[in-house]
Amino acid sequence: MRVTGVGDKLIQEFAGAASTGHGEVSVARMTAPPGWDEPGQRPEFDEVTYVLAGEIVVEHEGGSTSVTAGEAVLTRAGEWVRYSVGDSGADYIAVCAPAFTATGAHRDDVES
């Protein structure tokens, strides 16, 4: 199921709150165009991000981490993070537990 993302990012959720009603876990494929970014967030869920192609940059309170094709990163619930991609864009899988919800993401530009 396609779900709305930030900007021009395509999100195809295979399981989760939006597509199947599952609250325990969500699995989605993300396709982010060159230069895409999103506001920082302090989510209520752990997230494993596995990069299929391109590169994502995960900013966090301790700096930033570059994650390229074939690599993964784990961010923990309650940790401030901000995702972006470079000039090549990125294609990646995100697994969130509990399942991703926009409300549970607590994005910097959205009042909770």
N, C-alpha and C. Protein backbone atom coordinates (compact mmCIF):
# COMPACT_ATOMS: atom_id res chain seq x y z
N MET A 1 0.83 -1.17 0.00
CA MET A 1 0.00 0.00 0.00
C MET A 1 0.89 1.25 0.00
N ARG A 2 0.61 2.18 -0.87
CA ARG A 2 1.33 3.45 -0.85
C ARG A 2 0.77 4.33 0.25
N VAL A 3 1.66 4.94 1.00
CA VAL A 3 1.25 5.87 2.06
C VAL A 3 1.96 7.19 1.86
N THR A 4 1.42 8.23 2.43
CA THR A 4 1.97 9.57 2.29
C THR A 4 3.24 9.72 3.11
N GLY A 5 4.26 10.30 2.47
CA GLY A 5 5.52 10.56 3.14
C GLY A 5 5.81 12.04 3.16
N VAL A 6 6.99 12.41 3.61
CA VAL A 6 7.43 13.79 3.63
C VAL A 6 8.01 14.12 2.26
N GLY A 7 7.52 15.16 1.62
CA GLY A 7 8.02 15.56 0.31
C GLY A 7 7.67 14.54 -0.76
N ASP A 8 8.62 14.30 -1.66
CA ASP A 8 8.39 13.42 -2.81
C ASP A 8 8.81 11.98 -2.55
N LYS A 9 9.07 11.60 -1.32
CA LYS A 9 9.47 10.22 -1.02
C LYS A 9 8.29 9.28 -1.22
N LEU A 10 8.52 8.18 -1.93
CA LEU A 10 7.51 7.14 -2.12
C LEU A 10 7.64 6.12 -1.01
N ILE A 11 6.54 5.82 -0.35
CA ILE A 11 6.53 4.82 0.72
C ILE A 11 5.56 3.71 0.33
N GLN A 12 6.06 2.48 0.31
CA GLN A 12 5.23 1.31 0.06
C GLN A 12 5.25 0.47 1.33
N GLU A 13 4.19 0.56 2.12
CA GLU A 13 4.15 -0.19 3.37
C GLU A 13 3.55 -1.56 3.11
N PHE A 14 4.31 -2.60 3.45
CA PHE A 14 3.87 -3.98 3.25
C PHE A 14 3.10 -4.51 4.45
N ALA A 15 3.46 -4.04 5.64
CA ALA A 15 2.77 -4.41 6.88
C ALA A 15 2.93 -3.25 7.84
N GLY A 16 1.88 -2.97 8.58
CA GLY A 16 1.96 -1.88 9.55
C GLY A 16 0.61 -1.25 9.82
N ALA A 17 0.63 -0.19 10.60
CA ALA A 17 -0.60 0.47 11.03
C ALA A 17 -1.42 0.98 9.85
N ALA A 18 -0.78 1.58 8.84
CA ALA A 18 -1.50 2.17 7.71
C ALA A 18 -2.03 1.13 6.74
N SER A 19 -1.25 0.07 6.48
CA SER A 19 -1.63 -0.87 5.42
C SER A 19 -2.41 -2.09 5.90
N THR A 20 -2.04 -2.64 7.04
CA THR A 20 -2.68 -3.87 7.50
C THR A 20 -3.27 -3.78 8.90
N GLY A 21 -3.08 -2.64 9.55
CA GLY A 21 -3.60 -2.46 10.89
C GLY A 21 -2.74 -3.06 11.98
N HIS A 22 -1.58 -3.60 11.65
CA HIS A 22 -0.69 -4.17 12.66
C HIS A 22 -0.02 -3.06 13.46
N GLY A 23 -0.07 -3.16 14.76
CA GLY A 23 0.55 -2.16 15.62
C GLY A 23 1.91 -2.56 16.15
N GLU A 24 2.27 -3.83 16.05
CA GLU A 24 3.51 -4.33 16.64
C GLU A 24 4.74 -4.02 15.79
N VAL A 25 4.59 -4.05 14.46
CA VAL A 25 5.74 -3.85 13.58
C VAL A 25 5.25 -3.30 12.24
N SER A 26 6.11 -2.52 11.59
CA SER A 26 5.82 -2.08 10.23
C SER A 26 7.05 -2.36 9.37
N VAL A 27 6.79 -2.70 8.11
CA VAL A 27 7.84 -2.96 7.12
C VAL A 27 7.48 -2.17 5.88
N ALA A 28 8.40 -1.31 5.44
CA ALA A 28 8.12 -0.46 4.28
C ALA A 28 9.36 -0.29 3.42
N ARG A 29 9.12 -0.13 2.12
CA ARG A 29 10.19 0.21 1.18
C ARG A 29 10.06 1.69 0.86
N MET A 30 11.15 2.40 0.97
CA MET A 30 11.18 3.84 0.74
C MET A 30 12.03 4.14 -0.49
N THR A 31 11.54 5.05 -1.32
CA THR A 31 12.32 5.55 -2.44
C THR A 31 12.35 7.06 -2.31
N ALA A 32 13.54 7.58 -1.97
CA ALA A 32 13.71 9.02 -1.73
C ALA A 32 14.46 9.64 -2.91
N PRO A 33 13.92 10.72 -3.47
CA PRO A 33 14.57 11.37 -4.61
C PRO A 33 15.83 12.14 -4.18
N PRO A 34 16.69 12.47 -5.12
CA PRO A 34 17.90 13.24 -4.79
C PRO A 34 17.58 14.49 -3.97
N GLY A 35 18.38 14.71 -2.91
CA GLY A 35 18.23 15.90 -2.08
C GLY A 35 17.12 15.84 -1.05
N TRP A 36 16.38 14.74 -0.96
CA TRP A 36 15.25 14.63 -0.03
C TRP A 36 15.74 14.70 1.42
N ASP A 37 14.93 15.32 2.27
CA ASP A 37 15.17 15.28 3.71
C ASP A 37 13.85 15.42 4.43
N GLU A 38 13.87 15.17 5.71
CA GLU A 38 12.67 15.31 6.52
C GLU A 38 13.03 15.99 7.82
N PRO A 39 12.03 16.50 8.54
CA PRO A 39 12.30 17.13 9.83
C PRO A 39 12.86 16.11 10.82
N GLY A 40 13.56 16.60 11.83
CA GLY A 40 14.02 15.73 12.90
C GLY A 40 12.82 15.14 13.63
N GLN A 41 13.06 14.06 14.33
CA GLN A 41 11.99 13.41 15.07
C GLN A 41 12.55 12.69 16.29
N ARG A 42 11.69 12.44 17.25
CA ARG A 42 12.04 11.66 18.44
C ARG A 42 10.96 10.58 18.58
N PRO A 43 11.08 9.52 17.77
CA PRO A 43 10.00 8.54 17.66
C PRO A 43 9.81 7.65 18.88
N GLU A 44 8.62 7.07 18.94
CA GLU A 44 8.25 6.13 19.99
C GLU A 44 8.60 4.69 19.60
N PHE A 45 9.32 4.50 18.51
CA PHE A 45 9.61 3.16 17.99
C PHE A 45 11.10 3.03 17.66
N ASP A 46 11.60 1.80 17.75
CA ASP A 46 12.92 1.47 17.23
C ASP A 46 12.77 1.35 15.72
N GLU A 47 13.84 1.69 14.97
CA GLU A 47 13.78 1.56 13.52
C GLU A 47 15.09 1.00 12.99
N VAL A 48 14.97 -0.07 12.19
CA VAL A 48 16.11 -0.61 11.46
C VAL A 48 15.94 -0.17 10.02
N THR A 49 16.97 0.49 9.48
CA THR A 49 16.95 0.97 8.10
C THR A 49 18.05 0.25 7.33
N TYR A 50 17.64 -0.46 6.27
CA TYR A 50 18.58 -1.19 5.42
C TYR A 50 18.59 -0.53 4.04
N VAL A 51 19.75 -0.07 3.60
CA VAL A 51 19.86 0.66 2.34
C VAL A 51 20.09 -0.32 1.19
N LEU A 52 19.20 -0.26 0.19
CA LEU A 52 19.30 -1.09 -1.00
C LEU A 52 20.17 -0.43 -2.06
N ALA A 53 20.02 0.88 -2.24
CA ALA A 53 20.77 1.64 -3.24
C ALA A 53 20.91 3.08 -2.76
N GLY A 54 22.00 3.73 -3.14
CA GLY A 54 22.22 5.12 -2.74
C GLY A 54 22.79 5.22 -1.34
N GLU A 55 22.48 6.33 -0.69
CA GLU A 55 23.02 6.61 0.64
C GLU A 55 22.02 7.45 1.42
N ILE A 56 21.84 7.10 2.69
CA ILE A 56 21.09 7.96 3.59
C ILE A 56 22.04 8.48 4.65
N VAL A 57 21.73 9.65 5.17
CA VAL A 57 22.48 10.22 6.28
C VAL A 57 21.52 10.32 7.45
N VAL A 58 21.93 9.76 8.57
CA VAL A 58 21.11 9.80 9.78
C VAL A 58 21.81 10.74 10.76
N GLU A 59 21.21 11.92 10.96
CA GLU A 59 21.73 12.84 11.96
C GLU A 59 21.16 12.42 13.31
N HIS A 60 21.98 12.54 14.35
CA HIS A 60 21.55 12.21 15.70
C HIS A 60 22.27 13.15 16.65
N GLU A 61 21.92 13.09 17.90
CA GLU A 61 22.48 14.04 18.87
C GLU A 61 23.99 13.93 18.99
N GLY A 62 24.58 12.81 18.59
CA GLY A 62 26.02 12.65 18.67
C GLY A 62 26.76 12.97 17.38
N GLY A 63 26.04 13.39 16.33
CA GLY A 63 26.68 13.68 15.05
C GLY A 63 25.83 13.19 13.90
N SER A 64 26.46 12.50 12.96
CA SER A 64 25.72 11.93 11.83
C SER A 64 26.39 10.64 11.38
N THR A 65 25.59 9.78 10.77
CA THR A 65 26.06 8.49 10.27
C THR A 65 25.62 8.34 8.83
N SER A 66 26.57 8.03 7.96
CA SER A 66 26.28 7.75 6.56
C SER A 66 26.06 6.26 6.39
N VAL A 67 24.97 5.88 5.72
CA VAL A 67 24.63 4.47 5.53
C VAL A 67 24.46 4.25 4.03
N THR A 68 25.28 3.36 3.46
CA THR A 68 25.26 3.13 2.01
C THR A 68 24.71 1.74 1.69
N ALA A 69 24.54 1.47 0.40
CA ALA A 69 23.96 0.20 -0.07
C ALA A 69 24.63 -0.99 0.60
N GLY A 70 23.80 -1.90 1.11
CA GLY A 70 24.28 -3.09 1.79
C GLY A 70 24.53 -2.91 3.27
N GLU A 71 24.30 -1.71 3.78
CA GLU A 71 24.50 -1.43 5.21
C GLU A 71 23.16 -1.13 5.88
N ALA A 72 23.15 -1.25 7.20
CA ALA A 72 21.95 -0.97 7.99
C ALA A 72 22.31 -0.14 9.20
N VAL A 73 21.31 0.54 9.74
CA VAL A 73 21.49 1.31 10.96
C VAL A 73 20.26 1.08 11.85
N LEU A 74 20.49 1.06 13.16
CA LEU A 74 19.42 0.92 14.14
C LEU A 74 19.32 2.22 14.92
N THR A 75 18.13 2.79 14.97
CA THR A 75 17.88 3.94 15.84
C THR A 75 16.87 3.50 16.89
N ARG A 76 17.03 4.01 18.09
CA ARG A 76 16.21 3.58 19.23
C ARG A 76 15.10 4.57 19.54
N ALA A 77 14.01 4.05 20.05
CA ALA A 77 12.89 4.88 20.50
C ALA A 77 13.41 5.92 21.47
N GLY A 78 12.92 7.15 21.33
CA GLY A 78 13.30 8.24 22.22
C GLY A 78 14.55 8.99 21.79
N GLU A 79 15.29 8.46 20.82
CA GLU A 79 16.50 9.09 20.31
C GLU A 79 16.11 10.10 19.22
N TRP A 80 16.67 11.33 19.27
CA TRP A 80 16.40 12.31 18.21
C TRP A 80 17.19 11.91 16.97
N VAL A 81 16.50 11.85 15.81
CA VAL A 81 17.13 11.52 14.53
C VAL A 81 16.52 12.37 13.42
N ARG A 82 17.29 12.53 12.35
CA ARG A 82 16.82 13.22 11.14
C ARG A 82 17.42 12.50 9.95
N TYR A 83 16.57 12.11 9.00
CA TYR A 83 17.01 11.38 7.81
C TYR A 83 17.08 12.30 6.60
N SER A 84 18.11 12.08 5.76
CA SER A 84 18.23 12.80 4.49
C SER A 84 19.02 11.93 3.52
N VAL A 85 18.99 12.32 2.23
CA VAL A 85 19.76 11.62 1.21
C VAL A 85 20.54 12.64 0.40
N GLY A 86 21.56 12.16 -0.30
CA GLY A 86 22.39 13.04 -1.10
C GLY A 86 21.88 13.19 -2.53
N ASP A 87 22.81 13.53 -3.42
CA ASP A 87 22.48 13.82 -4.81
C ASP A 87 21.99 12.61 -5.60
N SER A 88 22.26 11.40 -5.12
CA SER A 88 21.85 10.21 -5.86
C SER A 88 20.50 9.65 -5.39
N GLY A 89 19.94 10.19 -4.30
CA GLY A 89 18.71 9.63 -3.74
C GLY A 89 19.02 8.33 -3.04
N ALA A 90 17.98 7.59 -2.66
CA ALA A 90 18.19 6.31 -1.97
C ALA A 90 16.94 5.45 -2.06
N ASP A 91 17.17 4.16 -2.02
CA ASP A 91 16.12 3.16 -1.96
C ASP A 91 16.43 2.32 -0.74
N TYR A 92 15.48 2.19 0.20
CA TYR A 92 15.79 1.49 1.45
C TYR A 92 14.55 0.87 2.07
N ILE A 93 14.79 -0.06 2.99
CA ILE A 93 13.75 -0.75 3.74
C ILE A 93 13.79 -0.24 5.18
N ALA A 94 12.62 0.07 5.73
CA ALA A 94 12.53 0.48 7.13
C ALA A 94 11.61 -0.49 7.88
N VAL A 95 12.10 -0.98 9.00
CA VAL A 95 11.34 -1.86 9.87
C VAL A 95 11.23 -1.17 11.23
N CYS A 96 10.01 -0.90 11.66
CA CYS A 96 9.78 -0.18 12.92
C CYS A 96 9.01 -1.06 13.90
N ALA A 97 9.43 -1.01 15.19
CA ALA A 97 8.74 -1.75 16.24
C ALA A 97 8.67 -0.88 17.49
N PRO A 98 7.47 -0.57 17.98
CA PRO A 98 6.19 -0.88 17.36
C PRO A 98 6.05 -0.17 16.02
N ALA A 99 4.96 -0.43 15.32
CA ALA A 99 4.75 0.07 13.97
C ALA A 99 4.83 1.59 13.89
N PHE A 100 5.36 2.07 12.76
CA PHE A 100 5.41 3.50 12.49
C PHE A 100 4.00 4.09 12.46
N THR A 101 3.85 5.26 13.07
CA THR A 101 2.69 6.13 12.88
C THR A 101 3.23 7.55 12.85
N ALA A 102 2.57 8.42 12.11
CA ALA A 102 3.00 9.82 12.05
C ALA A 102 2.97 10.46 13.43
N THR A 103 1.95 10.15 14.20
CA THR A 103 1.84 10.69 15.56
C THR A 103 2.99 10.20 16.43
N GLY A 104 3.34 8.92 16.30
CA GLY A 104 4.40 8.33 17.10
C GLY A 104 5.80 8.77 16.70
N ALA A 105 5.94 9.41 15.52
CA ALA A 105 7.25 9.88 15.07
C ALA A 105 7.69 11.13 15.82
N HIS A 106 6.73 11.94 16.28
CA HIS A 106 7.04 13.19 17.00
C HIS A 106 8.02 14.06 16.21
N ARG A 107 7.65 14.39 14.98
CA ARG A 107 8.51 15.22 14.12
C ARG A 107 8.59 16.64 14.66
N ASP A 108 9.75 17.25 14.46
CA ASP A 108 10.03 18.60 14.95
C ASP A 108 9.05 19.65 14.44
N ASP A 109 8.53 19.48 13.23
CA ASP A 109 7.65 20.50 12.66
C ASP A 109 6.17 20.26 12.95
N VAL A 110 5.87 19.22 13.74
CA VAL A 110 4.48 18.87 14.04
C VAL A 110 4.29 18.89 15.55
N GLU A 111 3.28 19.60 15.99
CA GLU A 111 3.00 19.61 17.43
C GLU A 111 2.41 18.29 17.85
N SER A 112 2.84 17.77 18.99
CA SER A 112 2.33 16.48 19.49
C SER A 112 1.24 16.70 20.50
